[in-house]
Amino acid sequence: EGSRFVLKKNVINENTKDHVGIFLNENIYQIIDIENECRKVLENKRLANADFFNEDKRAVLVLAKTIIGGQKFLLSSFHAKKNKINDPQREKHIIEFFSYLEGVAERVKP
């Protein structure tokens, strides 16, 4: 049987078509919708800090389950800002991404 790849992506900038994405073979992995879990994590984090990870389009998270065996994997991809950002701001953005990823991982774990 051949491969059937799908792309899960977020467009960062409509003008430049910059995006962040993850390719998965649907013949091997079932993609599980975790959009609600991701949204809830962001909402909870933003209660304490309204600006928490305010560029969430720069990240994509995918929960994949192997069709044979049923193992689950939380995959992530993140495109940090390069321009118009200083190193301390970039570091804060990366730390917030990892906090977001950890929060989602806690919500989707079995």
PDB file of N, CA and C in Angstrom:
ATOM      1  N   GLU A   1       0.850  -1.183   0.000  1.00  0.00           N
ATOM      2  CA  GLU A   1       0.000   0.000   0.000  1.00  0.00           C
ATOM      3  C   GLU A   1       0.888   1.236   0.000  1.00  0.00           C
ATOM      4  N   GLY A   2       0.526   2.228  -0.763  1.00  0.00           N
ATOM      5  CA  GLY A   2       1.306   3.463  -0.869  1.00  0.00           C
ATOM      6  C   GLY A   2       1.132   4.361   0.329  1.00  0.00           C
ATOM      7  N   SER A   3       1.808   5.471   0.273  1.00  0.00           N
ATOM      8  CA  SER A   3       1.721   6.468   1.335  1.00  0.00           C
ATOM      9  C   SER A   3       0.634   7.474   1.013  1.00  0.00           C
ATOM     10  N   ARG A   4       0.047   8.020   2.074  1.00  0.00           N
ATOM     11  CA  ARG A   4      -0.965   9.070   1.922  1.00  0.00           C
ATOM     12  C   ARG A   4      -0.632  10.164   2.940  1.00  0.00           C
ATOM     13  N   PHE A   5       0.225  11.085   2.505  1.00  0.00           N
ATOM     14  CA  PHE A   5       0.691  12.129   3.411  1.00  0.00           C
ATOM     15  C   PHE A   5      -0.299  13.285   3.478  1.00  0.00           C
ATOM     16  N   VAL A   6      -0.465  13.805   4.689  1.00  0.00           N
ATOM     17  CA  VAL A   6      -1.270  15.001   4.917  1.00  0.00           C
ATOM     18  C   VAL A   6      -0.392  16.026   5.627  1.00  0.00           C
ATOM     19  N   LEU A   7      -0.721  17.275   5.426  1.00  0.00           N
ATOM     20  CA  LEU A   7       0.012  18.368   6.056  1.00  0.00           C
ATOM     21  C   LEU A   7      -0.906  19.066   7.039  1.00  0.00           C
ATOM     22  N   LYS A   8      -0.482  19.118   8.286  1.00  0.00           N
ATOM     23  CA  LYS A   8      -1.174  19.915   9.297  1.00  0.00           C
ATOM     24  C   LYS A   8      -0.353  21.186   9.439  1.00  0.00           C
ATOM     25  N   LYS A   9      -0.961  22.337   9.149  1.00  0.00           N
ATOM     26  CA  LYS A   9      -0.161  23.559   9.180  1.00  0.00           C
ATOM     27  C   LYS A   9      -0.952  24.745   9.691  1.00  0.00           C
ATOM     28  N   ASN A  10      -0.198  25.745  10.103  1.00  0.00           N
ATOM     29  CA  ASN A  10      -0.724  27.059  10.450  1.00  0.00           C
ATOM     30  C   ASN A  10       0.009  28.066   9.582  1.00  0.00           C
ATOM     31  N   VAL A  11      -0.729  28.956   8.950  1.00  0.00           N
ATOM     32  CA  VAL A  11      -0.126  30.022   8.161  1.00  0.00           C
ATOM     33  C   VAL A  11       0.237  31.161   9.110  1.00  0.00           C
ATOM     34  N   ILE A  12       1.504  31.542   9.087  1.00  0.00           N
ATOM     35  CA  ILE A  12       1.995  32.598   9.974  1.00  0.00           C
ATOM     36  C   ILE A  12       1.713  33.968   9.375  1.00  0.00           C
ATOM     37  N   ASN A  13       1.952  34.087   8.071  1.00  0.00           N
ATOM     38  CA  ASN A  13       1.802  35.367   7.394  1.00  0.00           C
ATOM     39  C   ASN A  13       1.161  35.130   6.036  1.00  0.00           C
ATOM     40  N   GLU A  14      -0.034  35.641   5.852  1.00  0.00           N
ATOM     41  CA  GLU A  14      -0.765  35.461   4.588  1.00  0.00           C
ATOM     42  C   GLU A  14      -0.030  36.086   3.409  1.00  0.00           C
ATOM     43  N   ASN A  15       0.656  37.195   3.653  1.00  0.00           N
ATOM     44  CA  ASN A  15       1.337  37.894   2.561  1.00  0.00           C
ATOM     45  C   ASN A  15       2.538  37.114   2.030  1.00  0.00           C
ATOM     46  N   THR A  16       3.320  36.545   2.935  1.00  0.00           N
ATOM     47  CA  THR A  16       4.534  35.831   2.518  1.00  0.00           C
ATOM     48  C   THR A  16       4.307  34.332   2.392  1.00  0.00           C
ATOM     49  N   LYS A  17       3.147  33.871   2.858  1.00  0.00           N
ATOM     50  CA  LYS A  17       2.811  32.436   2.855  1.00  0.00           C
ATOM     51  C   LYS A  17       3.715  31.629   3.789  1.00  0.00           C
ATOM     52  N   ASP A  18       4.402  32.304   4.720  1.00  0.00           N
ATOM     53  CA  ASP A  18       5.180  31.586   5.731  1.00  0.00           C
ATOM     54  C   ASP A  18       4.239  30.699   6.521  1.00  0.00           C
ATOM     55  N   HIS A  19       4.690  29.498   6.821  1.00  0.00           N
ATOM     56  CA  HIS A  19       3.856  28.589   7.602  1.00  0.00           C
ATOM     57  C   HIS A  19       4.735  27.645   8.403  1.00  0.00           C
ATOM     58  N   VAL A  20       4.116  26.997   9.343  1.00  0.00           N
ATOM     59  CA  VAL A  20       4.760  25.956  10.129  1.00  0.00           C
ATOM     60  C   VAL A  20       3.874  24.722   9.971  1.00  0.00           C
ATOM     61  N   GLY A  21       4.493  23.561   9.780  1.00  0.00           N
ATOM     62  CA  GLY A  21       3.673  22.383   9.530  1.00  0.00           C
ATOM     63  C   GLY A  21       4.349  21.070   9.873  1.00  0.00           C
ATOM     64  N   ILE A  22       3.539  20.025   9.858  1.00  0.00           N
ATOM     65  CA  ILE A  22       3.984  18.653  10.105  1.00  0.00           C
ATOM     66  C   ILE A  22       3.315  17.763   9.064  1.00  0.00           C
ATOM     67  N   PHE A  23       4.115  16.954   8.375  1.00  0.00           N
ATOM     68  CA  PHE A  23       3.594  15.964   7.438  1.00  0.00           C
ATOM     69  C   PHE A  23       3.451  14.626   8.148  1.00  0.00           C
ATOM     70  N   LEU A  24       2.327  13.944   7.938  1.00  0.00           N
ATOM     71  CA  LEU A  24       2.112  12.613   8.498  1.00  0.00           C
ATOM     72  C   LEU A  24       1.516  11.697   7.446  1.00  0.00           C
ATOM     73  N   ASN A  25       1.885  10.433   7.497  1.00  0.00           N
ATOM     74  CA  ASN A  25       1.345   9.426   6.595  1.00  0.00           C
ATOM     75  C   ASN A  25       0.098   8.826   7.239  1.00  0.00           C
ATOM     76  N   GLU A  26      -1.063   9.104   6.674  1.00  0.00           N
ATOM     77  CA  GLU A  26      -2.319   8.609   7.246  1.00  0.00           C
ATOM     78  C   GLU A  26      -2.492   7.103   7.094  1.00  0.00           C
ATOM     79  N   ASN A  27      -1.653   6.451   6.328  1.00  0.00           N
ATOM     80  CA  ASN A  27      -1.698   4.989   6.251  1.00  0.00           C
ATOM     81  C   ASN A  27      -1.024   4.362   7.468  1.00  0.00           C
ATOM     82  N   ILE A  28      -0.242   5.165   8.200  1.00  0.00           N
ATOM     83  CA  ILE A  28       0.465   4.670   9.383  1.00  0.00           C
ATOM     84  C   ILE A  28      -0.109   5.272  10.667  1.00  0.00           C
ATOM     85  N   TYR A  29      -0.517   6.538  10.597  1.00  0.00           N
ATOM     86  CA  TYR A  29      -0.979   7.258  11.783  1.00  0.00           C
ATOM     87  C   TYR A  29      -2.409   7.752  11.633  1.00  0.00           C
ATOM     88  N   GLN A  30      -3.151   7.640  12.712  1.00  0.00           N
ATOM     89  CA  GLN A  30      -4.460   8.289  12.814  1.00  0.00           C
ATOM     90  C   GLN A  30      -4.213   9.628  13.497  1.00  0.00           C
ATOM     91  N   ILE A  31      -4.707  10.692  12.915  1.00  0.00           N
ATOM     92  CA  ILE A  31      -4.547  12.021  13.502  1.00  0.00           C
ATOM     93  C   ILE A  31      -5.743  12.296  14.402  1.00  0.00           C
ATOM     94  N   ILE A  32      -5.451  12.611  15.656  1.00  0.00           N
ATOM     95  CA  ILE A  32      -6.485  12.848  16.651  1.00  0.00           C
ATOM     96  C   ILE A  32      -6.633  14.361  16.852  1.00  0.00           C
ATOM     97  N   ASP A  33      -7.845  14.849  16.760  1.00  0.00           N
ATOM     98  CA  ASP A  33      -8.111  16.278  16.898  1.00  0.00           C
ATOM     99  C   ASP A  33      -7.887  16.709  18.347  1.00  0.00           C
ATOM    100  N   ILE A  34      -6.965  17.640  18.549  1.00  0.00           N
ATOM    101  CA  ILE A  34      -6.698  18.162  19.896  1.00  0.00           C
ATOM    102  C   ILE A  34      -6.881  19.682  19.943  1.00  0.00           C
ATOM    103  N   GLU A  35      -7.611  20.208  18.991  1.00  0.00           N
ATOM    104  CA  GLU A  35      -7.809  21.653  18.919  1.00  0.00           C
ATOM    105  C   GLU A  35      -8.423  22.213  20.209  1.00  0.00           C
ATOM    106  N   ASN A  36      -9.415  21.521  20.765  1.00  0.00           N
ATOM    107  CA  ASN A  36     -10.041  21.993  22.019  1.00  0.00           C
ATOM    108  C   ASN A  36      -9.049  22.004  23.167  1.00  0.00           C
ATOM    109  N   GLU A  37      -8.231  20.964  23.264  1.00  0.00           N
ATOM    110  CA  GLU A  37      -7.244  20.901  24.340  1.00  0.00           C
ATOM    111  C   GLU A  37      -6.232  22.037  24.197  1.00  0.00           C
ATOM    112  N   CYS A  38      -5.780  22.293  22.971  1.00  0.00           N
ATOM    113  CA  CYS A  38      -4.830  23.380  22.728  1.00  0.00           C
ATOM    114  C   CYS A  38      -5.445  24.725  23.121  1.00  0.00           C
ATOM    115  N   ARG A  39      -6.681  24.958  22.715  1.00  0.00           N
ATOM    116  CA  ARG A  39      -7.366  26.211  23.024  1.00  0.00           C
ATOM    117  C   ARG A  39      -7.518  26.386  24.530  1.00  0.00           C
ATOM    118  N   LYS A  40      -7.894  25.302  25.232  1.00  0.00           N
ATOM    119  CA  LYS A  40      -8.090  25.386  26.686  1.00  0.00           C
ATOM    120  C   LYS A  40      -6.791  25.699  27.411  1.00  0.00           C
ATOM    121  N   VAL A  41      -5.693  25.113  26.954  1.00  0.00           N
ATOM    122  CA  VAL A  41      -4.398  25.406  27.579  1.00  0.00           C
ATOM    123  C   VAL A  41      -4.062  26.886  27.400  1.00  0.00           C
ATOM    124  N   LEU A  42      -4.225  27.396  26.191  1.00  0.00           N
ATOM    125  CA  LEU A  42      -3.941  28.819  25.962  1.00  0.00           C
ATOM    126  C   LEU A  42      -4.845  29.710  26.803  1.00  0.00           C
ATOM    127  N   GLU A  43      -6.127  29.378  26.861  1.00  0.00           N
ATOM    128  CA  GLU A  43      -7.058  30.180  27.664  1.00  0.00           C
ATOM    129  C   GLU A  43      -6.633  30.202  29.132  1.00  0.00           C
ATOM    130  N   ASN A  44      -6.276  29.049  29.672  1.00  0.00           N
ATOM    131  CA  ASN A  44      -5.864  28.971  31.081  1.00  0.00           C
ATOM    132  C   ASN A  44      -4.579  29.742  31.337  1.00  0.00           C
ATOM    133  N   LYS A  45      -3.608  29.617  30.439  1.00  0.00           N
ATOM    134  CA  LYS A  45      -2.340  30.339  30.613  1.00  0.00           C
ATOM    135  C   LYS A  45      -2.560  31.848  30.497  1.00  0.00           C
ATOM    136  N   ARG A  46      -3.497  32.238  29.648  1.00  0.00           N
ATOM    137  CA  ARG A  46      -3.742  33.667  29.429  1.00  0.00           C
ATOM    138  C   ARG A  46      -4.564  34.308  30.540  1.00  0.00           C
ATOM    139  N   LEU A  47      -5.139  33.505  31.419  1.00  0.00           N
ATOM    140  CA  LEU A  47      -5.806  34.072  32.592  1.00  0.00           C
ATOM    141  C   LEU A  47      -4.787  34.769  33.480  1.00  0.00           C
ATOM    142  N   ALA A  48      -3.604  34.168  33.603  1.00  0.00           N
ATOM    143  CA  ALA A  48      -2.548  34.742  34.430  1.00  0.00           C
ATOM    144  C   ALA A  48      -1.706  35.764  33.670  1.00  0.00           C
ATOM    145  N   ASN A  49      -1.600  35.581  32.346  1.00  0.00           N
ATOM    146  CA  ASN A  49      -0.778  36.462  31.524  1.00  0.00           C
ATOM    147  C   ASN A  49      -1.472  36.635  30.177  1.00  0.00           C
ATOM    148  N   ALA A  50      -2.133  37.757  29.998  1.00  0.00           N
ATOM    149  CA  ALA A  50      -2.940  37.988  28.793  1.00  0.00           C
ATOM    150  C   ALA A  50      -2.125  37.908  27.502  1.00  0.00           C
ATOM    151  N   ASP A  51      -0.828  38.161  27.571  1.00  0.00           N
ATOM    152  CA  ASP A  51       0.025  38.125  26.382  1.00  0.00           C
ATOM    153  C   ASP A  51       0.732  36.786  26.193  1.00  0.00           C
ATOM    154  N   PHE A  52       0.337  35.775  26.955  1.00  0.00           N
ATOM    155  CA  PHE A  52       1.031  34.484  26.875  1.00  0.00           C
ATOM    156  C   PHE A  52       0.977  33.922  25.449  1.00  0.00           C
ATOM    157  N   PHE A  53       2.128  33.602  24.913  1.00  0.00           N
ATOM    158  CA  PHE A  53       2.296  32.984  23.591  1.00  0.00           C
ATOM    159  C   PHE A  53       1.302  33.563  22.590  1.00  0.00           C
ATOM    160  N   ASN A  54       1.375  34.891  22.419  1.00  0.00           N
ATOM    161  CA  ASN A  54       0.386  35.601  21.604  1.00  0.00           C
ATOM    162  C   ASN A  54       0.531  35.361  20.107  1.00  0.00           C
ATOM    163  N   GLU A  55       1.547  34.642  19.704  1.00  0.00           N
ATOM    164  CA  GLU A  55       1.690  34.292  18.286  1.00  0.00           C
ATOM    165  C   GLU A  55       1.563  32.784  18.127  1.00  0.00           C
ATOM    166  N   ASP A  56       0.444  32.241  18.584  1.00  0.00           N
ATOM    167  CA  ASP A  56       0.264  30.794  18.584  1.00  0.00           C
ATOM    168  C   ASP A  56       0.183  30.201  17.176  1.00  0.00           C
ATOM    169  N   LYS A  57       0.007  31.032  16.154  1.00  0.00           N
ATOM    170  CA  LYS A  57       0.027  30.524  14.776  1.00  0.00           C
ATOM    171  C   LYS A  57       1.432  30.061  14.378  1.00  0.00           C
ATOM    172  N   ARG A  58       2.421  30.407  15.183  1.00  0.00           N
ATOM    173  CA  ARG A  58       3.791  29.984  14.908  1.00  0.00           C
ATOM    174  C   ARG A  58       4.065  28.550  15.368  1.00  0.00           C
ATOM    175  N   ALA A  59       3.065  27.904  15.926  1.00  0.00           N
ATOM    176  CA  ALA A  59       3.234  26.527  16.399  1.00  0.00           C
ATOM    177  C   ALA A  59       2.114  25.650  15.864  1.00  0.00           C
ATOM    178  N   VAL A  60       2.444  24.396  15.627  1.00  0.00           N
ATOM    179  CA  VAL A  60       1.427  23.406  15.277  1.00  0.00           C
ATOM    180  C   VAL A  60       1.699  22.174  16.135  1.00  0.00           C
ATOM    181  N   LEU A  61       0.640  21.641  16.721  1.00  0.00           N
ATOM    182  CA  LEU A  61       0.728  20.442  17.541  1.00  0.00           C
ATOM    183  C   LEU A  61      -0.214  19.399  16.972  1.00  0.00           C
ATOM    184  N   VAL A  62       0.260  18.174  16.894  1.00  0.00           N
ATOM    185  CA  VAL A  62      -0.527  17.083  16.324  1.00  0.00           C
ATOM    186  C   VAL A  62      -0.396  15.869  17.232  1.00  0.00           C
ATOM    187  N   LEU A  63      -1.525  15.281  17.585  1.00  0.00           N
ATOM    188  CA  LEU A  63      -1.526  14.019  18.315  1.00  0.00           C
ATOM    189  C   LEU A  63      -1.773  12.929  17.283  1.00  0.00           C
ATOM    190  N   ALA A  64      -0.816  12.014  17.179  1.00  0.00           N
ATOM    191  CA  ALA A  64      -0.914  10.928  16.207  1.00  0.00           C
ATOM    192  C   ALA A  64      -0.904   9.598  16.946  1.00  0.00           C
ATOM    193  N   LYS A  65      -1.685   8.668  16.435  1.00  0.00           N
ATOM    194  CA  LYS A  65      -1.773   7.330  17.019  1.00  0.00           C
ATOM    195  C   LYS A  65      -1.449   6.328  15.914  1.00  0.00           C
ATOM    196  N   THR A  66      -0.529   5.408  16.213  1.00  0.00           N
ATOM    197  CA  THR A  66      -0.190   4.416  15.198  1.00  0.00           C
ATOM    198  C   THR A  66      -1.392   3.516  14.969  1.00  0.00           C
ATOM    199  N   ILE A  67      -1.655   3.219  13.697  1.00  0.00           N
ATOM    200  CA  ILE A  67      -2.786   2.365  13.353  1.00  0.00           C
ATOM    201  C   ILE A  67      -2.526   0.942  13.836  1.00  0.00           C
ATOM    202  N   ILE A  68      -1.285   0.494  13.714  1.00  0.00           N
ATOM    203  CA  ILE A  68      -0.909  -0.819  14.241  1.00  0.00           C
ATOM    204  C   ILE A  68      -0.219  -0.588  15.577  1.00  0.00           C
ATOM    205  N   GLY A  69      -0.788  -1.060  16.637  1.00  0.00           N
ATOM    206  CA  GLY A  69      -0.179  -0.933  17.962  1.00  0.00           C
ATOM    207  C   GLY A  69      -0.812   0.114  18.855  1.00  0.00           C
ATOM    208  N   GLY A  70      -1.312   1.179  18.277  1.00  0.00           N
ATOM    209  CA  GLY A  70      -2.021   2.182  19.068  1.00  0.00           C
ATOM    210  C   GLY A  70      -1.162   3.101  19.911  1.00  0.00           C
ATOM    211  N   GLN A  71       0.152   3.182  19.645  1.00  0.00           N
ATOM    212  CA  GLN A  71       0.988   4.114  20.402  1.00  0.00           C
ATOM    213  C   GLN A  71       0.659   5.544  19.982  1.00  0.00           C
ATOM    214  N   LYS A  72       0.682   6.443  20.968  1.00  0.00           N
ATOM    215  CA  LYS A  72       0.373   7.846  20.697  1.00  0.00           C
ATOM    216  C   LYS A  72       1.646   8.684  20.792  1.00  0.00           C
ATOM    217  N   PHE A  73       1.703   9.697  19.901  1.00  0.00           N
ATOM    218  CA  PHE A  73       2.817  10.632  19.861  1.00  0.00           C
ATOM    219  C   PHE A  73       2.255  12.039  19.761  1.00  0.00           C
ATOM    220  N   LEU A  74       2.779  12.938  20.578  1.00  0.00           N
ATOM    221  CA  LEU A  74       2.446  14.351  20.445  1.00  0.00           C
ATOM    222  C   LEU A  74       3.600  14.991  19.689  1.00  0.00           C
ATOM    223  N   LEU A  75       3.307  15.452  18.473  1.00  0.00           N
ATOM    224  CA  LEU A  75       4.323  16.065  17.627  1.00  0.00           C
ATOM    225  C   LEU A  75       4.122  17.568  17.632  1.00  0.00           C
ATOM    226  N   SER A  76       5.228  18.293  17.558  1.00  0.00           N
ATOM    227  CA  SER A  76       5.111  19.751  17.533  1.00  0.00           C
ATOM    228  C   SER A  76       6.155  20.331  16.600  1.00  0.00           C
ATOM    229  N   SER A  77       5.813  21.488  16.061  1.00  0.00           N
ATOM    230  CA  SER A  77       6.740  22.260  15.252  1.00  0.00           C
ATOM    231  C   SER A  77       6.516  23.719  15.605  1.00  0.00           C
ATOM    232  N   PHE A  78       7.601  24.461  15.667  1.00  0.00           N
ATOM    233  CA  PHE A  78       7.538  25.842  16.124  1.00  0.00           C
ATOM    234  C   PHE A  78       8.483  26.681  15.276  1.00  0.00           C
ATOM    235  N   HIS A  79       8.014  27.827  14.839  1.00  0.00           N
ATOM    236  CA  HIS A  79       8.800  28.748  14.027  1.00  0.00           C
ATOM    237  C   HIS A  79       8.943  30.040  14.810  1.00  0.00           C
ATOM    238  N   ALA A  80      10.083  30.185  15.493  1.00  0.00           N
ATOM    239  CA  ALA A  80      10.301  31.384  16.297  1.00  0.00           C
ATOM    240  C   ALA A  80      10.534  32.587  15.397  1.00  0.00           C
ATOM    241  N   LYS A  81      10.160  33.738  15.881  1.00  0.00           N
ATOM    242  CA  LYS A  81      10.393  34.979  15.135  1.00  0.00           C
ATOM    243  C   LYS A  81      11.885  35.192  14.950  1.00  0.00           C
ATOM    244  N   LYS A  82      12.248  35.710  13.782  1.00  0.00           N
ATOM    245  CA  LYS A  82      13.649  36.043  13.521  1.00  0.00           C
ATOM    246  C   LYS A  82      13.845  37.553  13.477  1.00  0.00           C
ATOM    247  N   ASN A  83      12.920  38.250  12.864  1.00  0.00           N
ATOM    248  CA  ASN A  83      13.061  39.681  12.630  1.00  0.00           C
ATOM    249  C   ASN A  83      12.256  40.481  13.650  1.00  0.00           C
ATOM    250  N   LYS A  84      12.737  41.682  13.900  1.00  0.00           N
ATOM    251  CA  LYS A  84      12.028  42.629  14.775  1.00  0.00           C
ATOM    252  C   LYS A  84      11.773  42.055  16.166  1.00  0.00           C
ATOM    253  N   ILE A  85      12.730  41.268  16.656  1.00  0.00           N
ATOM    254  CA  ILE A  85      12.614  40.717  18.007  1.00  0.00           C
ATOM    255  C   ILE A  85      14.032  40.617  18.585  1.00  0.00           C
ATOM    256  N   ASN A  86      14.173  40.986  19.862  1.00  0.00           N
ATOM    257  CA  ASN A  86      15.503  40.878  20.471  1.00  0.00           C
ATOM    258  C   ASN A  86      15.640  39.522  21.163  1.00  0.00           C
ATOM    259  N   ASP A  87      16.847  39.192  21.574  1.00  0.00           N
ATOM    260  CA  ASP A  87      17.116  37.869  22.154  1.00  0.00           C
ATOM    261  C   ASP A  87      16.301  37.577  23.411  1.00  0.00           C
ATOM    262  N   PRO A  88      16.176  38.523  24.349  1.00  0.00           N
ATOM    263  CA  PRO A  88      15.340  38.227  25.528  1.00  0.00           C
ATOM    264  C   PRO A  88      13.878  37.950  25.166  1.00  0.00           C
ATOM    265  N   GLN A  89      13.335  38.689  24.198  1.00  0.00           N
ATOM    266  CA  GLN A  89      11.955  38.440  23.767  1.00  0.00           C
ATOM    267  C   GLN A  89      11.839  37.072  23.087  1.00  0.00           C
ATOM    268  N   ARG A  90      12.828  36.730  22.263  1.00  0.00           N
ATOM    269  CA  ARG A  90      12.821  35.437  21.581  1.00  0.00           C
ATOM    270  C   ARG A  90      12.888  34.298  22.612  1.00  0.00           C
ATOM    271  N   GLU A  91      13.743  34.473  23.609  1.00  0.00           N
ATOM    272  CA  GLU A  91      13.864  33.455  24.659  1.00  0.00           C
ATOM    273  C   GLU A  91      12.536  33.291  25.399  1.00  0.00           C
ATOM    274  N   LYS A  92      11.881  34.400  25.717  1.00  0.00           N
ATOM    275  CA  LYS A  92      10.579  34.346  26.390  1.00  0.00           C
ATOM    276  C   LYS A  92       9.568  33.597  25.525  1.00  0.00           C
ATOM    277  N   HIS A  93       9.566  33.875  24.227  1.00  0.00           N
ATOM    278  CA  HIS A  93       8.647  33.235  23.294  1.00  0.00           C
ATOM    279  C   HIS A  93       8.884  31.721  23.244  1.00  0.00           C
ATOM    280  N   ILE A  94      10.143  31.314  23.224  1.00  0.00           N
ATOM    281  CA  ILE A  94      10.480  29.887  23.194  1.00  0.00           C
ATOM    282  C   ILE A  94      10.078  29.209  24.498  1.00  0.00           C
ATOM    283  N   ILE A  95      10.327  29.855  25.614  1.00  0.00           N
ATOM    284  CA  ILE A  95       9.936  29.304  26.914  1.00  0.00           C
ATOM    285  C   ILE A  95       8.420  29.150  26.989  1.00  0.00           C
ATOM    286  N   GLU A  96       7.684  30.141  26.482  1.00  0.00           N
ATOM    287  CA  GLU A  96       6.224  30.050  26.474  1.00  0.00           C
ATOM    288  C   GLU A  96       5.742  28.905  25.578  1.00  0.00           C
ATOM    289  N   PHE A  97       6.424  28.694  24.445  1.00  0.00           N
ATOM    290  CA  PHE A  97       6.060  27.564  23.589  1.00  0.00           C
ATOM    291  C   PHE A  97       6.207  26.249  24.347  1.00  0.00           C
ATOM    292  N   PHE A  98       7.319  26.075  25.047  1.00  0.00           N
ATOM    293  CA  PHE A  98       7.520  24.826  25.792  1.00  0.00           C
ATOM    294  C   PHE A  98       6.504  24.675  26.923  1.00  0.00           C
ATOM    295  N   SER A  99       6.128  25.776  27.553  1.00  0.00           N
ATOM    296  CA  SER A  99       5.095  25.721  28.587  1.00  0.00           C
ATOM    297  C   SER A  99       3.754  25.306  27.978  1.00  0.00           C
ATOM    298  N   TYR A 100       3.438  25.862  26.824  1.00  0.00           N
ATOM    299  CA  TYR A 100       2.220  25.503  26.084  1.00  0.00           C
ATOM    300  C   TYR A 100       2.248  24.025  25.699  1.00  0.00           C
ATOM    301  N   LEU A 101       3.360  23.572  25.150  1.00  0.00           N
ATOM    302  CA  LEU A 101       3.511  22.169  24.755  1.00  0.00           C
ATOM    303  C   LEU A 101       3.339  21.244  25.958  1.00  0.00           C
ATOM    304  N   GLU A 102       3.938  21.603  27.071  1.00  0.00           N
ATOM    305  CA  GLU A 102       3.807  20.799  28.298  1.00  0.00           C
ATOM    306  C   GLU A 102       2.354  20.753  28.772  1.00  0.00           C
ATOM    307  N   GLY A 103       1.654  21.876  28.707  1.00  0.00           N
ATOM    308  CA  GLY A 103       0.260  21.917  29.108  1.00  0.00           C
ATOM    309  C   GLY A 103      -0.611  21.034  28.227  1.00  0.00           C
ATOM    310  N   VAL A 104      -0.386  21.065  26.926  1.00  0.00           N
ATOM    311  CA  VAL A 104      -1.149  20.226  26.013  1.00  0.00           C
ATOM    312  C   VAL A 104      -0.824  18.759  26.264  1.00  0.00           C
ATOM    313  N   ALA A 105       0.450  18.443  26.466  1.00  0.00           N
ATOM    314  CA  ALA A 105       0.854  17.056  26.743  1.00  0.00           C
ATOM    315  C   ALA A 105       0.142  16.525  27.990  1.00  0.00           C
ATOM    316  N   GLU A 106       0.013  17.348  29.004  1.00  0.00           N
ATOM    317  CA  GLU A 106      -0.700  16.923  30.233  1.00  0.00           C
ATOM    318  C   GLU A 106      -2.168  16.637  29.949  1.00  0.00           C
ATOM    319  N   ARG A 107      -2.781  17.439  29.093  1.00  0.00           N
ATOM    320  CA  ARG A 107      -4.212  17.261  28.786  1.00  0.00           C
ATOM    321  C   ARG A 107      -4.495  16.044  27.920  1.00  0.00           C
ATOM    322  N   VAL A 108      -3.560  15.659  27.055  1.00  0.00           N
ATOM    323  CA  VAL A 108      -3.839  14.566  26.107  1.00  0.00           C
ATOM    324  C   VAL A 108      -3.240  13.224  26.530  1.00  0.00           C
ATOM    325  N   LYS A 109      -2.488  13.217  27.619  1.00  0.00           N
ATOM    326  CA  LYS A 109      -1.875  11.943  28.009  1.00  0.00           C
ATOM    327  C   LYS A 109      -2.958  10.970  28.482  1.00  0.00           C
ATOM    328  N   PRO A 110      -2.702   9.673  28.263  1.00  0.00           N
ATOM    329  CA  PRO A 110      -3.725   8.666  28.634  1.00  0.00           C
ATOM    330  C   PRO A 110      -3.939   8.582  30.130  1.00  0.00           C
TER     331      PRO A 110
END
